[in-house]
PDB file of N, CA and C in Angstrom:
ATOM      1  N   MET A   1     -30.278 -12.597  26.482  1.00  0.00           N
ATOM      2  CA  MET A   1     -30.054 -13.993  26.148  1.00  0.00           C
ATOM      3  C   MET A   1     -28.643 -14.148  25.590  1.00  0.00           C
ATOM      4  N   ASN A   2     -27.860 -14.996  26.206  1.00  0.00           N
ATOM      5  CA  ASN A   2     -26.485 -15.207  25.800  1.00  0.00           C
ATOM      6  C   ASN A   2     -26.417 -16.419  24.881  1.00  0.00           C
ATOM      7  N   THR A   3     -26.099 -16.177  23.612  1.00  0.00           N
ATOM      8  CA  THR A   3     -26.028 -17.272  22.646  1.00  0.00           C
ATOM      9  C   THR A   3     -24.592 -17.589  22.264  1.00  0.00           C
ATOM     10  N   SER A   4     -23.642 -16.966  22.935  1.00  0.00           N
ATOM     11  CA  SER A   4     -22.251 -17.217  22.579  1.00  0.00           C
ATOM     12  C   SER A   4     -21.810 -18.587  23.071  1.00  0.00           C
ATOM     13  N   THR A   5     -20.890 -19.174  22.326  1.00  0.00           N
ATOM     14  CA  THR A   5     -20.339 -20.469  22.672  1.00  0.00           C
ATOM     15  C   THR A   5     -19.190 -20.255  23.652  1.00  0.00           C
ATOM     16  N   PRO A   6     -19.152 -20.983  24.761  1.00  0.00           N
ATOM     17  CA  PRO A   6     -18.048 -20.812  25.698  1.00  0.00           C
ATOM     18  C   PRO A   6     -16.735 -21.253  25.062  1.00  0.00           C
ATOM     19  N   ILE A   7     -15.665 -20.578  25.428  1.00  0.00           N
ATOM     20  CA  ILE A   7     -14.348 -20.925  24.910  1.00  0.00           C
ATOM     21  C   ILE A   7     -13.862 -22.178  25.618  1.00  0.00           C
ATOM     22  N   ASN A   8     -13.458 -23.169  24.829  1.00  0.00           N
ATOM     23  CA  ASN A   8     -12.946 -24.415  25.378  1.00  0.00           C
ATOM     24  C   ASN A   8     -11.482 -24.198  25.738  1.00  0.00           C
ATOM     25  N   SER A   9     -11.176 -24.235  27.028  1.00  0.00           N
ATOM     26  CA  SER A   9      -9.820 -23.928  27.472  1.00  0.00           C
ATOM     27  C   SER A   9      -8.828 -25.052  27.196  1.00  0.00           C
ATOM     28  N   THR A  10      -9.282 -26.195  26.688  1.00  0.00           N
ATOM     29  CA  THR A  10      -8.355 -27.275  26.384  1.00  0.00           C
ATOM     30  C   THR A  10      -7.844 -27.208  24.955  1.00  0.00           C
ATOM     31  N   LYS A  11      -8.433 -26.376  24.125  1.00  0.00           N
ATOM     32  CA  LYS A  11      -7.984 -26.214  22.746  1.00  0.00           C
ATOM     33  C   LYS A  11      -7.209 -24.906  22.646  1.00  0.00           C
ATOM     34  N   PHE A  12      -6.247 -24.895  21.750  1.00  0.00           N
ATOM     35  CA  PHE A  12      -5.357 -23.750  21.660  1.00  0.00           C
ATOM     36  C   PHE A  12      -5.343 -23.142  20.271  1.00  0.00           C
ATOM     37  N   TYR A  13      -4.957 -21.897  20.223  1.00  0.00           N
ATOM     38  CA  TYR A  13      -4.672 -21.202  18.976  1.00  0.00           C
ATOM     39  C   TYR A  13      -3.485 -20.310  19.260  1.00  0.00           C
ATOM     40  N   ARG A  14      -2.619 -20.161  18.273  1.00  0.00           N
ATOM     41  CA  ARG A  14      -1.411 -19.357  18.461  1.00  0.00           C
ATOM     42  C   ARG A  14      -1.090 -18.594  17.202  1.00  0.00           C
ATOM     43  N   ASN A  15      -0.503 -17.442  17.413  1.00  0.00           N
ATOM     44  CA  ASN A  15      -0.023 -16.620  16.310  1.00  0.00           C
ATOM     45  C   ASN A  15       1.341 -17.158  15.902  1.00  0.00           C
ATOM     46  N   ALA A  16       1.459 -17.625  14.673  1.00  0.00           N
ATOM     47  CA  ALA A  16       2.695 -18.240  14.188  1.00  0.00           C
ATOM     48  C   ALA A  16       3.853 -17.251  14.103  1.00  0.00           C
ATOM     49  N   LEU A  17       3.564 -15.961  14.151  1.00  0.00           N
ATOM     50  CA  LEU A  17       4.643 -14.978  14.096  1.00  0.00           C
ATOM     51  C   LEU A  17       5.340 -14.786  15.439  1.00  0.00           C
ATOM     52  N   GLU A  18       4.695 -15.149  16.537  1.00  0.00           N
ATOM     53  CA  GLU A  18       5.289 -14.906  17.852  1.00  0.00           C
ATOM     54  C   GLU A  18       6.680 -15.509  18.015  1.00  0.00           C
ATOM     55  N   PRO A  19       6.883 -16.806  17.741  1.00  0.00           N
ATOM     56  CA  PRO A  19       8.236 -17.343  17.925  1.00  0.00           C
ATOM     57  C   PRO A  19       9.246 -16.742  16.950  1.00  0.00           C
ATOM     58  N   LEU A  20       8.804 -16.376  15.762  1.00  0.00           N
ATOM     59  CA  LEU A  20       9.721 -15.770  14.795  1.00  0.00           C
ATOM     60  C   LEU A  20      10.162 -14.377  15.249  1.00  0.00           C
ATOM     61  N   VAL A  21       9.226 -13.626  15.808  1.00  0.00           N
ATOM     62  CA  VAL A  21       9.553 -12.302  16.350  1.00  0.00           C
ATOM     63  C   VAL A  21      10.462 -12.458  17.565  1.00  0.00           C
ATOM     64  N   ALA A  22      10.189 -13.444  18.409  1.00  0.00           N
ATOM     65  CA  ALA A  22      11.022 -13.683  19.596  1.00  0.00           C
ATOM     66  C   ALA A  22      12.454 -14.038  19.191  1.00  0.00           C
ATOM     67  N   GLU A  23      12.603 -14.878  18.186  1.00  0.00           N
ATOM     68  CA  GLU A  23      13.941 -15.242  17.698  1.00  0.00           C
ATOM     69  C   GLU A  23      14.677 -14.023  17.159  1.00  0.00           C
ATOM     70  N   GLU A  24      13.980 -13.200  16.392  1.00  0.00           N
ATOM     71  CA  GLU A  24      14.599 -12.000  15.830  1.00  0.00           C
ATOM     72  C   GLU A  24      14.966 -11.007  16.923  1.00  0.00           C
ATOM     73  N   LEU A  25      14.107 -10.862  17.912  1.00  0.00           N
ATOM     74  CA  LEU A  25      14.400  -9.974  19.027  1.00  0.00           C
ATOM     75  C   LEU A  25      15.663 -10.441  19.751  1.00  0.00           C
ATOM     76  N   GLU A  26      15.751 -11.724  20.028  1.00  0.00           N
ATOM     77  CA  GLU A  26      16.934 -12.269  20.699  1.00  0.00           C
ATOM     78  C   GLU A  26      18.188 -12.020  19.865  1.00  0.00           C
ATOM     79  N   ARG A  27      18.072 -12.216  18.561  1.00  0.00           N
ATOM     80  CA  ARG A  27      19.220 -12.000  17.663  1.00  0.00           C
ATOM     81  C   ARG A  27      19.676 -10.548  17.718  1.00  0.00           C
ATOM     82  N   GLN A  28      18.710  -9.619  17.649  1.00  0.00           N
ATOM     83  CA  GLN A  28      19.072  -8.208  17.650  1.00  0.00           C
ATOM     84  C   GLN A  28      19.599  -7.757  19.011  1.00  0.00           C
ATOM     85  N   LEU A  29      19.063  -8.286  20.085  1.00  0.00           N
ATOM     86  CA  LEU A  29      19.537  -7.906  21.420  1.00  0.00           C
ATOM     87  C   LEU A  29      20.987  -8.343  21.640  1.00  0.00           C
ATOM     88  N   GLN A  30      21.383  -9.453  21.037  1.00  0.00           N
ATOM     89  CA  GLN A  30      22.757  -9.941  21.175  1.00  0.00           C
ATOM     90  C   GLN A  30      23.773  -8.981  20.569  1.00  0.00           C
ATOM     91  N   HIS A  31      23.330  -8.125  19.663  1.00  0.00           N
ATOM     92  CA  HIS A  31      24.230  -7.178  19.006  1.00  0.00           C
ATOM     93  C   HIS A  31      24.229  -5.798  19.654  1.00  0.00           C
ATOM     94  N   LEU A  32      23.486  -5.653  20.741  1.00  0.00           N
ATOM     95  CA  LEU A  32      23.416  -4.368  21.439  1.00  0.00           C
ATOM     96  C   LEU A  32      24.305  -4.397  22.678  1.00  0.00           C
ATOM     97  N   PRO A  33      24.779  -3.233  23.114  1.00  0.00           N
ATOM     98  CA  PRO A  33      25.579  -3.184  24.343  1.00  0.00           C
ATOM     99  C   PRO A  33      24.747  -3.639  25.547  1.00  0.00           C
ATOM    100  N   PRO A  34      25.336  -4.431  26.440  1.00  0.00           N
ATOM    101  CA  PRO A  34      24.607  -4.927  27.617  1.00  0.00           C
ATOM    102  C   PRO A  34      24.000  -3.814  28.464  1.00  0.00           C
ATOM    103  N   GLN A  35      24.664  -2.667  28.544  1.00  0.00           N
ATOM    104  CA  GLN A  35      24.127  -1.569  29.352  1.00  0.00           C
ATOM    105  C   GLN A  35      22.842  -1.008  28.740  1.00  0.00           C
ATOM    106  N   LEU A  36      22.642  -1.150  27.425  1.00  0.00           N
ATOM    107  CA  LEU A  36      21.389  -0.739  26.797  1.00  0.00           C
ATOM    108  C   LEU A  36      20.323  -1.819  26.978  1.00  0.00           C
ATOM    109  N   VAL A  37      20.708  -3.074  26.792  1.00  0.00           N
ATOM    110  CA  VAL A  37      19.764  -4.194  26.862  1.00  0.00           C
ATOM    111  C   VAL A  37      19.057  -4.242  28.214  1.00  0.00           C
ATOM    112  N   LYS A  38      19.764  -3.898  29.292  1.00  0.00           N
ATOM    113  CA  LYS A  38      19.134  -3.976  30.619  1.00  0.00           C
ATOM    114  C   LYS A  38      18.001  -2.961  30.784  1.00  0.00           C
ATOM    115  N   TYR A  39      17.939  -1.958  29.923  1.00  0.00           N
ATOM    116  CA  TYR A  39      16.860  -0.974  29.992  1.00  0.00           C
ATOM    117  C   TYR A  39      15.720  -1.275  29.025  1.00  0.00           C
ATOM    118  N   LEU A  40      15.834  -2.334  28.257  1.00  0.00           N
ATOM    119  CA  LEU A  40      14.791  -2.706  27.297  1.00  0.00           C
ATOM    120  C   LEU A  40      13.893  -3.780  27.894  1.00  0.00           C
ATOM    121  N   GLN A  41      12.602  -3.653  27.672  1.00  0.00           N
ATOM    122  CA  GLN A  41      11.644  -4.650  28.136  1.00  0.00           C
ATOM    123  C   GLN A  41      11.193  -5.479  26.935  1.00  0.00           C
ATOM    124  N   SER A  42      11.649  -6.716  26.903  1.00  0.00           N
ATOM    125  CA  SER A  42      11.400  -7.585  25.754  1.00  0.00           C
ATOM    126  C   SER A  42       9.925  -7.749  25.429  1.00  0.00           C
ATOM    127  N   GLU A  43       9.082  -7.884  26.461  1.00  0.00           N
ATOM    128  CA  GLU A  43       7.655  -8.096  26.190  1.00  0.00           C
ATOM    129  C   GLU A  43       7.028  -6.881  25.523  1.00  0.00           C
ATOM    130  N   GLN A  44       7.502  -5.691  25.826  1.00  0.00           N
ATOM    131  CA  GLN A  44       6.976  -4.492  25.164  1.00  0.00           C
ATOM    132  C   GLN A  44       7.450  -4.418  23.716  1.00  0.00           C
ATOM    133  N   ILE A  45       8.689  -4.812  23.474  1.00  0.00           N
ATOM    134  CA  ILE A  45       9.202  -4.835  22.101  1.00  0.00           C
ATOM    135  C   ILE A  45       8.444  -5.863  21.279  1.00  0.00           C
ATOM    136  N   MET A  46       8.189  -7.035  21.875  1.00  0.00           N
ATOM    137  CA  MET A  46       7.420  -8.082  21.186  1.00  0.00           C
ATOM    138  C   MET A  46       6.042  -7.556  20.798  1.00  0.00           C
ATOM    139  N   ALA A  47       5.343  -6.945  21.751  1.00  0.00           N
ATOM    140  CA  ALA A  47       3.997  -6.435  21.473  1.00  0.00           C
ATOM    141  C   ALA A  47       4.047  -5.362  20.392  1.00  0.00           C
ATOM    142  N   TYR A  48       5.020  -4.463  20.474  1.00  0.00           N
ATOM    143  CA  TYR A  48       5.170  -3.401  19.474  1.00  0.00           C
ATOM    144  C   TYR A  48       5.328  -4.016  18.085  1.00  0.00           C
ATOM    145  N   ALA A  49       6.249  -4.975  17.963  1.00  0.00           N
ATOM    146  CA  ALA A  49       6.517  -5.594  16.657  1.00  0.00           C
ATOM    147  C   ALA A  49       5.300  -6.375  16.154  1.00  0.00           C
ATOM    148  N   LEU A  50       4.696  -7.187  17.025  1.00  0.00           N
ATOM    149  CA  LEU A  50       3.550  -7.995  16.601  1.00  0.00           C
ATOM    150  C   LEU A  50       2.366  -7.129  16.179  1.00  0.00           C
ATOM    151  N   ASN A  51       2.210  -5.967  16.800  1.00  0.00           N
ATOM    152  CA  ASN A  51       1.119  -5.067  16.421  1.00  0.00           C
ATOM    153  C   ASN A  51       1.328  -4.436  15.054  1.00  0.00           C
ATOM    154  N   ARG A  52       2.506  -4.569  14.501  1.00  0.00           N
ATOM    155  CA  ARG A  52       2.803  -4.011  13.184  1.00  0.00           C
ATOM    156  C   ARG A  52       2.935  -5.075  12.106  1.00  0.00           C
ATOM    157  N   LEU A  53       2.636  -6.299  12.475  1.00  0.00           N
ATOM    158  CA  LEU A  53       2.716  -7.425  11.541  1.00  0.00           C
ATOM    159  C   LEU A  53       1.333  -8.066  11.428  1.00  0.00           C
ATOM    160  N   PRO A  54       1.080  -8.785  10.330  1.00  0.00           N
ATOM    161  CA  PRO A  54      -0.225  -9.442  10.208  1.00  0.00           C
ATOM    162  C   PRO A  54      -0.348 -10.594  11.206  1.00  0.00           C
ATOM    163  N   ALA A  55      -1.543 -10.819  11.685  1.00  0.00           N
ATOM    164  CA  ALA A  55      -1.797 -11.968  12.560  1.00  0.00           C
ATOM    165  C   ALA A  55      -1.857 -13.221  11.703  1.00  0.00           C
ATOM    166  N   MET A  56      -1.202 -14.268  12.156  1.00  0.00           N
ATOM    167  CA  MET A  56      -1.178 -15.533  11.411  1.00  0.00           C
ATOM    168  C   MET A  56      -1.444 -16.670  12.394  1.00  0.00           C
ATOM    169  N   TYR A  57      -2.703 -16.849  12.758  1.00  0.00           N
ATOM    170  CA  TYR A  57      -3.068 -17.835  13.763  1.00  0.00           C
ATOM    171  C   TYR A  57      -3.224 -19.219  13.166  1.00  0.00           C
ATOM    172  N   ALA A  58      -2.926 -20.208  13.993  1.00  0.00           N
ATOM    173  CA  ALA A  58      -3.119 -21.613  13.622  1.00  0.00           C
ATOM    174  C   ALA A  58      -3.779 -22.336  14.788  1.00  0.00           C
ATOM    175  N   THR A  59      -4.559 -23.372  14.441  1.00  0.00           N
ATOM    176  CA  THR A  59      -5.226 -24.172  15.469  1.00  0.00           C
ATOM    177  C   THR A  59      -4.850 -25.646  15.380  1.00  0.00           C
ATOM    178  N   SER A  60      -4.032 -26.000  14.403  1.00  0.00           N
ATOM    179  CA  SER A  60      -3.612 -27.396  14.247  1.00  0.00           C
ATOM    180  C   SER A  60      -2.116 -27.427  13.955  1.00  0.00           C
ATOM    181  N   ILE A  61      -1.522 -28.580  14.115  1.00  0.00           N
ATOM    182  CA  ILE A  61      -0.087 -28.732  13.827  1.00  0.00           C
ATOM    183  C   ILE A  61       0.175 -28.460  12.355  1.00  0.00           C
ATOM    184  N   GLU A  62      -0.704 -28.972  11.498  1.00  0.00           N
ATOM    185  CA  GLU A  62      -0.525 -28.763  10.057  1.00  0.00           C
ATOM    186  C   GLU A  62      -0.648 -27.276   9.707  1.00  0.00           C
ATOM    187  N   GLY A  63      -1.633 -26.629  10.305  1.00  0.00           N
ATOM    188  CA  GLY A  63      -1.804 -25.195  10.075  1.00  0.00           C
ATOM    189  C   GLY A  63      -0.620 -24.400  10.603  1.00  0.00           C
ATOM    190  N   TRP A  64      -0.113 -24.809  11.766  1.00  0.00           N
ATOM    191  CA  TRP A  64       1.052 -24.151  12.357  1.00  0.00           C
ATOM    192  C   TRP A  64       2.260 -24.254  11.420  1.00  0.00           C
ATOM    193  N   GLN A  65       2.520 -25.443  10.905  1.00  0.00           N
ATOM    194  CA  GLN A  65       3.657 -25.648  10.009  1.00  0.00           C
ATOM    195  C   GLN A  65       3.504 -24.812   8.737  1.00  0.00           C
ATOM    196  N   ARG A  66       2.299 -24.765   8.205  1.00  0.00           N
ATOM    197  CA  ARG A  66       2.029 -23.986   6.995  1.00  0.00           C
ATOM    198  C   ARG A  66       2.222 -22.489   7.270  1.00  0.00           C
ATOM    199  N   GLN A  67       1.681 -22.015   8.382  1.00  0.00           N
ATOM    200  CA  GLN A  67       1.807 -20.592   8.721  1.00  0.00           C
ATOM    201  C   GLN A  67       3.260 -20.213   8.990  1.00  0.00           C
ATOM    202  N   GLN A  68       4.017 -21.092   9.624  1.00  0.00           N
ATOM    203  CA  GLN A  68       5.435 -20.824   9.878  1.00  0.00           C
ATOM    204  C   GLN A  68       6.192 -20.669   8.561  1.00  0.00           C
ATOM    205  N   LEU A  69       5.923 -21.559   7.622  1.00  0.00           N
ATOM    206  CA  LEU A  69       6.585 -21.503   6.321  1.00  0.00           C
ATOM    207  C   LEU A  69       6.240 -20.212   5.588  1.00  0.00           C
ATOM    208  N   VAL A  70       4.956 -19.875   5.567  1.00  0.00           N
ATOM    209  CA  VAL A  70       4.515 -18.640   4.915  1.00  0.00           C
ATOM    210  C   VAL A  70       5.151 -17.427   5.595  1.00  0.00           C
ATOM    211  N   ALA A  71       5.145 -17.422   6.907  1.00  0.00           N
ATOM    212  CA  ALA A  71       5.691 -16.281   7.655  1.00  0.00           C
ATOM    213  C   ALA A  71       7.173 -16.103   7.374  1.00  0.00           C
ATOM    214  N   LYS A  72       7.930 -17.188   7.375  1.00  0.00           N
ATOM    215  CA  LYS A  72       9.371 -17.100   7.122  1.00  0.00           C
ATOM    216  C   LYS A  72       9.650 -16.607   5.706  1.00  0.00           C
ATOM    217  N   ASN A  73       8.869 -17.069   4.757  1.00  0.00           N
ATOM    218  CA  ASN A  73       9.101 -16.690   3.357  1.00  0.00           C
ATOM    219  C   ASN A  73       8.612 -15.294   3.009  1.00  0.00           C
ATOM    220  N   ARG A  74       7.477 -14.895   3.565  1.00  0.00           N
ATOM    221  CA  ARG A  74       6.864 -13.627   3.162  1.00  0.00           C
ATOM    222  C   ARG A  74       7.136 -12.463   4.091  1.00  0.00           C
ATOM    223  N   PHE A  75       7.404 -12.732   5.369  1.00  0.00           N
ATOM    224  CA  PHE A  75       7.441 -11.637   6.330  1.00  0.00           C
ATOM    225  C   PHE A  75       8.766 -11.474   7.073  1.00  0.00           C
ATOM    226  N   GLN A  76       9.809 -12.231   6.706  1.00  0.00           N
ATOM    227  CA  GLN A  76      11.063 -12.152   7.453  1.00  0.00           C
ATOM    228  C   GLN A  76      11.634 -10.732   7.462  1.00  0.00           C
ATOM    229  N   ASN A  77      11.632 -10.067   6.323  1.00  0.00           N
ATOM    230  CA  ASN A  77      12.163  -8.693   6.283  1.00  0.00           C
ATOM    231  C   ASN A  77      11.335  -7.748   7.142  1.00  0.00           C
ATOM    232  N   GLN A  78      10.013  -7.904   7.109  1.00  0.00           N
ATOM    233  CA  GLN A  78       9.143  -7.054   7.933  1.00  0.00           C
ATOM    234  C   GLN A  78       9.331  -7.340   9.424  1.00  0.00           C
ATOM    235  N   ILE A  79       9.611  -8.588   9.770  1.00  0.00           N
ATOM    236  CA  ILE A  79       9.869  -8.942  11.163  1.00  0.00           C
ATOM    237  C   ILE A  79      11.127  -8.228  11.646  1.00  0.00           C
ATOM    238  N   VAL A  80      12.177  -8.263  10.843  1.00  0.00           N
ATOM    239  CA  VAL A  80      13.439  -7.596  11.193  1.00  0.00           C
ATOM    240  C   VAL A  80      13.197  -6.111  11.431  1.00  0.00           C
ATOM    241  N   VAL A  81      12.477  -5.475  10.527  1.00  0.00           N
ATOM    242  CA  VAL A  81      12.209  -4.037  10.636  1.00  0.00           C
ATOM    243  C   VAL A  81      11.328  -3.737  11.850  1.00  0.00           C
ATOM    244  N   ALA A  82      10.287  -4.516  12.056  1.00  0.00           N
ATOM    245  CA  ALA A  82       9.368  -4.269  13.174  1.00  0.00           C
ATOM    246  C   ALA A  82      10.094  -4.397  14.512  1.00  0.00           C
ATOM    247  N   VAL A  83      10.973  -5.385  14.643  1.00  0.00           N
ATOM    248  CA  VAL A  83      11.733  -5.548  15.889  1.00  0.00           C
ATOM    249  C   VAL A  83      12.698  -4.378  16.059  1.00  0.00           C
ATOM    250  N   ARG A  84      13.371  -3.989  15.003  1.00  0.00           N
ATOM    251  CA  ARG A  84      14.300  -2.850  15.072  1.00  0.00           C
ATOM    252  C   ARG A  84      13.561  -1.586  15.510  1.00  0.00           C
ATOM    253  N   GLN A  85      12.390  -1.356  14.932  1.00  0.00           N
ATOM    254  CA  GLN A  85      11.593  -0.187  15.317  1.00  0.00           C
ATOM    255  C   GLN A  85      11.117  -0.300  16.763  1.00  0.00           C
ATOM    256  N   GLY A  86      10.774  -1.511  17.180  1.00  0.00           N
ATOM    257  CA  GLY A  86      10.340  -1.726  18.555  1.00  0.00           C
ATOM    258  C   GLY A  86      11.444  -1.412  19.552  1.00  0.00           C
ATOM    259  N   ILE A  87      12.652  -1.826  19.233  1.00  0.00           N
ATOM    260  CA  ILE A  87      13.780  -1.529  20.117  1.00  0.00           C
ATOM    261  C   ILE A  87      13.989  -0.031  20.226  1.00  0.00           C
ATOM    262  N   ALA A  88      13.870   0.654  19.114  1.00  0.00           N
ATOM    263  CA  ALA A  88      14.054   2.111  19.118  1.00  0.00           C
ATOM    264  C   ALA A  88      12.929   2.818  19.866  1.00  0.00           C
ATOM    265  N   ALA A  89      11.717   2.311  19.743  1.00  0.00           N
ATOM    266  CA  ALA A  89      10.552   3.001  20.299  1.00  0.00           C
ATOM    267  C   ALA A  89      10.287   2.664  21.766  1.00  0.00           C
ATOM    268  N   VAL A  90      10.623   1.456  22.164  1.00  0.00           N
ATOM    269  CA  VAL A  90      10.227   0.988  23.490  1.00  0.00           C
ATOM    270  C   VAL A  90      11.469   0.863  24.374  1.00  0.00           C
ATOM    271  N   GLN A  91      11.854   1.949  24.926  1.00  0.00           N
ATOM    272  CA  GLN A  91      12.930   1.924  25.909  1.00  0.00           C
ATOM    273  C   GLN A  91      12.334   2.325  27.238  1.00  0.00           C
ATOM    274  N   ARG A  92      12.817   1.711  28.270  1.00  0.00           N
ATOM    275  CA  ARG A  92      12.255   1.936  29.600  1.00  0.00           C
ATOM    276  C   ARG A  92      12.372   3.407  29.974  1.00  0.00           C
ATOM    277  N   ASP A  93      11.241   3.991  30.251  1.00  0.00           N
ATOM    278  CA  ASP A  93      11.177   5.378  30.710  1.00  0.00           C
ATOM    279  C   ASP A  93      10.989   5.327  32.216  1.00  0.00           C
ATOM    280  N   PRO A  94      11.949   5.840  32.997  1.00  0.00           N
ATOM    281  CA  PRO A  94      11.827   5.724  34.453  1.00  0.00           C
ATOM    282  C   PRO A  94      10.604   6.426  35.025  1.00  0.00           C
ATOM    283  N   LEU A  95      10.003   7.341  34.279  1.00  0.00           N
ATOM    284  CA  LEU A  95       8.822   8.046  34.763  1.00  0.00           C
ATOM    285  C   LEU A  95       7.522   7.374  34.335  1.00  0.00           C
ATOM    286  N   LYS A  96       7.602   6.401  33.441  1.00  0.00           N
ATOM    287  CA  LYS A  96       6.409   5.732  32.930  1.00  0.00           C
ATOM    288  C   LYS A  96       6.008   4.595  33.870  1.00  0.00           C
ATOM    289  N   VAL A  97       4.762   4.604  34.295  1.00  0.00           N
ATOM    290  CA  VAL A  97       4.238   3.536  35.148  1.00  0.00           C
ATOM    291  C   VAL A  97       3.596   2.488  34.246  1.00  0.00           C
ATOM    292  N   SER A  98       3.974   1.234  34.440  1.00  0.00           N
ATOM    293  CA  SER A  98       3.467   0.164  33.599  1.00  0.00           C
ATOM    294  C   SER A  98       3.273  -1.086  34.449  1.00  0.00           C
ATOM    295  N   THR A  99       2.057  -1.621  34.438  1.00  0.00           N
ATOM    296  CA  THR A  99       1.763  -2.848  35.168  1.00  0.00           C
ATOM    297  C   THR A  99       1.679  -3.984  34.158  1.00  0.00           C
ATOM    298  N   PRO A 100       2.613  -4.940  34.209  1.00  0.00           N
ATOM    299  CA  PRO A 100       2.615  -6.029  33.216  1.00  0.00           C
ATOM    300  C   PRO A 100       1.378  -6.905  33.328  1.00  0.00           C
ATOM    301  N   LEU A 101       0.945  -7.452  32.193  1.00  0.00           N
ATOM    302  CA  LEU A 101      -0.126  -8.439  32.190  1.00  0.00           C
ATOM    303  C   LEU A 101       0.389  -9.717  32.830  1.00  0.00           C
ATOM    304  N   MET A 102      -0.528 -10.501  33.380  1.00  0.00           N
ATOM    305  CA  MET A 102      -0.151 -11.737  34.055  1.00  0.00           C
ATOM    306  C   MET A 102      -0.647 -12.931  33.252  1.00  0.00           C
ATOM    307  N   LEU A 103      -0.424 -14.109  33.784  1.00  0.00           N
ATOM    308  CA  LEU A 103      -0.938 -15.310  33.146  1.00  0.00           C
ATOM    309  C   LEU A 103      -2.442 -15.223  33.001  1.00  0.00           C
ATOM    310  N   ARG A 104      -2.978 -15.929  32.044  1.00  0.00           N
ATOM    311  CA  ARG A 104      -4.395 -15.858  31.707  1.00  0.00           C
ATOM    312  C   ARG A 104      -5.320 -16.082  32.905  1.00  0.00           C
ATOM    313  N   GLU A 105      -4.972 -17.013  33.794  1.00  0.00           N
ATOM    314  CA  GLU A 105      -5.836 -17.300  34.932  1.00  0.00           C
ATOM    315  C   GLU A 105      -6.016 -16.065  35.800  1.00  0.00           C
ATOM    316  N   ASN A 106      -4.939 -15.308  35.975  1.00  0.00           N
ATOM    317  CA  ASN A 106      -4.989 -14.122  36.815  1.00  0.00           C
ATOM    318  C   ASN A 106      -5.463 -12.892  36.051  1.00  0.00           C
ATOM    319  N   LEU A 107      -5.279 -12.902  34.748  1.00  0.00           N
ATOM    320  CA  LEU A 107      -5.572 -11.743  33.917  1.00  0.00           C
ATOM    321  C   LEU A 107      -7.053 -11.373  33.941  1.00  0.00           C
ATOM    322  N   GLU A 108      -7.922 -12.351  33.742  1.00  0.00           N
ATOM    323  CA  GLU A 108      -9.343 -12.061  33.619  1.00  0.00           C
ATOM    324  C   GLU A 108      -9.921 -11.458  34.901  1.00  0.00           C
ATOM    325  N   SER A 109      -9.395 -11.852  36.042  1.00  0.00           N
ATOM    326  CA  SER A 109      -9.931 -11.325  37.297  1.00  0.00           C
ATOM    327  C   SER A 109      -9.368  -9.955  37.633  1.00  0.00           C
ATOM    328  N   SER A 110      -8.240  -9.564  37.013  1.00  0.00           N
ATOM    329  CA  SER A 110      -7.607  -8.299  37.374  1.00  0.00           C
ATOM    330  C   SER A 110      -7.945  -7.141  36.426  1.00  0.00           C
ATOM    331  N   LEU A 111      -8.438  -7.432  35.229  1.00  0.00           N
ATOM    332  CA  LEU A 111      -8.744  -6.389  34.269  1.00  0.00           C
ATOM    333  C   LEU A 111     -10.164  -5.876  34.456  1.00  0.00           C
ATOM    334  N   PRO A 112     -10.361  -4.587  34.254  1.00  0.00           N
ATOM    335  CA  PRO A 112     -11.732  -4.068  34.330  1.00  0.00           C
ATOM    336  C   PRO A 112     -12.562  -4.594  33.163  1.00  0.00           C
ATOM    337  N   SER A 113     -13.826  -4.780  33.403  1.00  0.00           N
ATOM    338  CA  SER A 113     -14.732  -5.266  32.374  1.00  0.00           C
ATOM    339  C   SER A 113     -14.918  -4.201  31.301  1.00  0.00           C
ATOM    340  N   LEU A 114     -14.982  -4.633  30.046  1.00  0.00           N
ATOM    341  CA  LEU A 114     -15.173  -3.713  28.924  1.00  0.00           C
ATOM    342  C   LEU A 114     -16.643  -3.521  28.574  1.00  0.00           C
ATOM    343  N   VAL A 115     -17.511  -4.271  29.212  1.00  0.00           N
ATOM    344  CA  VAL A 115     -18.948  -4.143  28.943  1.00  0.00           C
ATOM    345  C   VAL A 115     -19.701  -3.598  30.109  1.00  0.00           C
TER     346      VAL A 115
END
C-alpha cells in the first residue's frame, strides 16, 4: 500500500547556497590560468563544494531571502574554502569516465531504480 504523497511538480524548493557557491566558483575561476580552467568541470566543483556545506533549502520568497542572508553572514568563509578545495580535488582526469546528469525530465528515466 503506497501512502506517500505525490510530489507536486509545480511547486519548487531550492538550496539557497547554490547561487552563492556558483558566484564564488566564478570568482575563483577568473583568477586561474585559462589553460587550467578548460580542464575543470564546474558542475563537479559545485557538487563537491555543496556536499561540504550545510543544506539551506527554501520554499518561499521570504524563506529564500532569509536563507540567503543567513548563508552570506554565516557561511561565506566556508563557501570560499569549499570551492577552493573543490577546484583542487576535481580536475578532469582523462582516464575517468563520467556521464553527466541530465535535466529532471530525462533523469528519472535514465537512472537505475534504487528499490
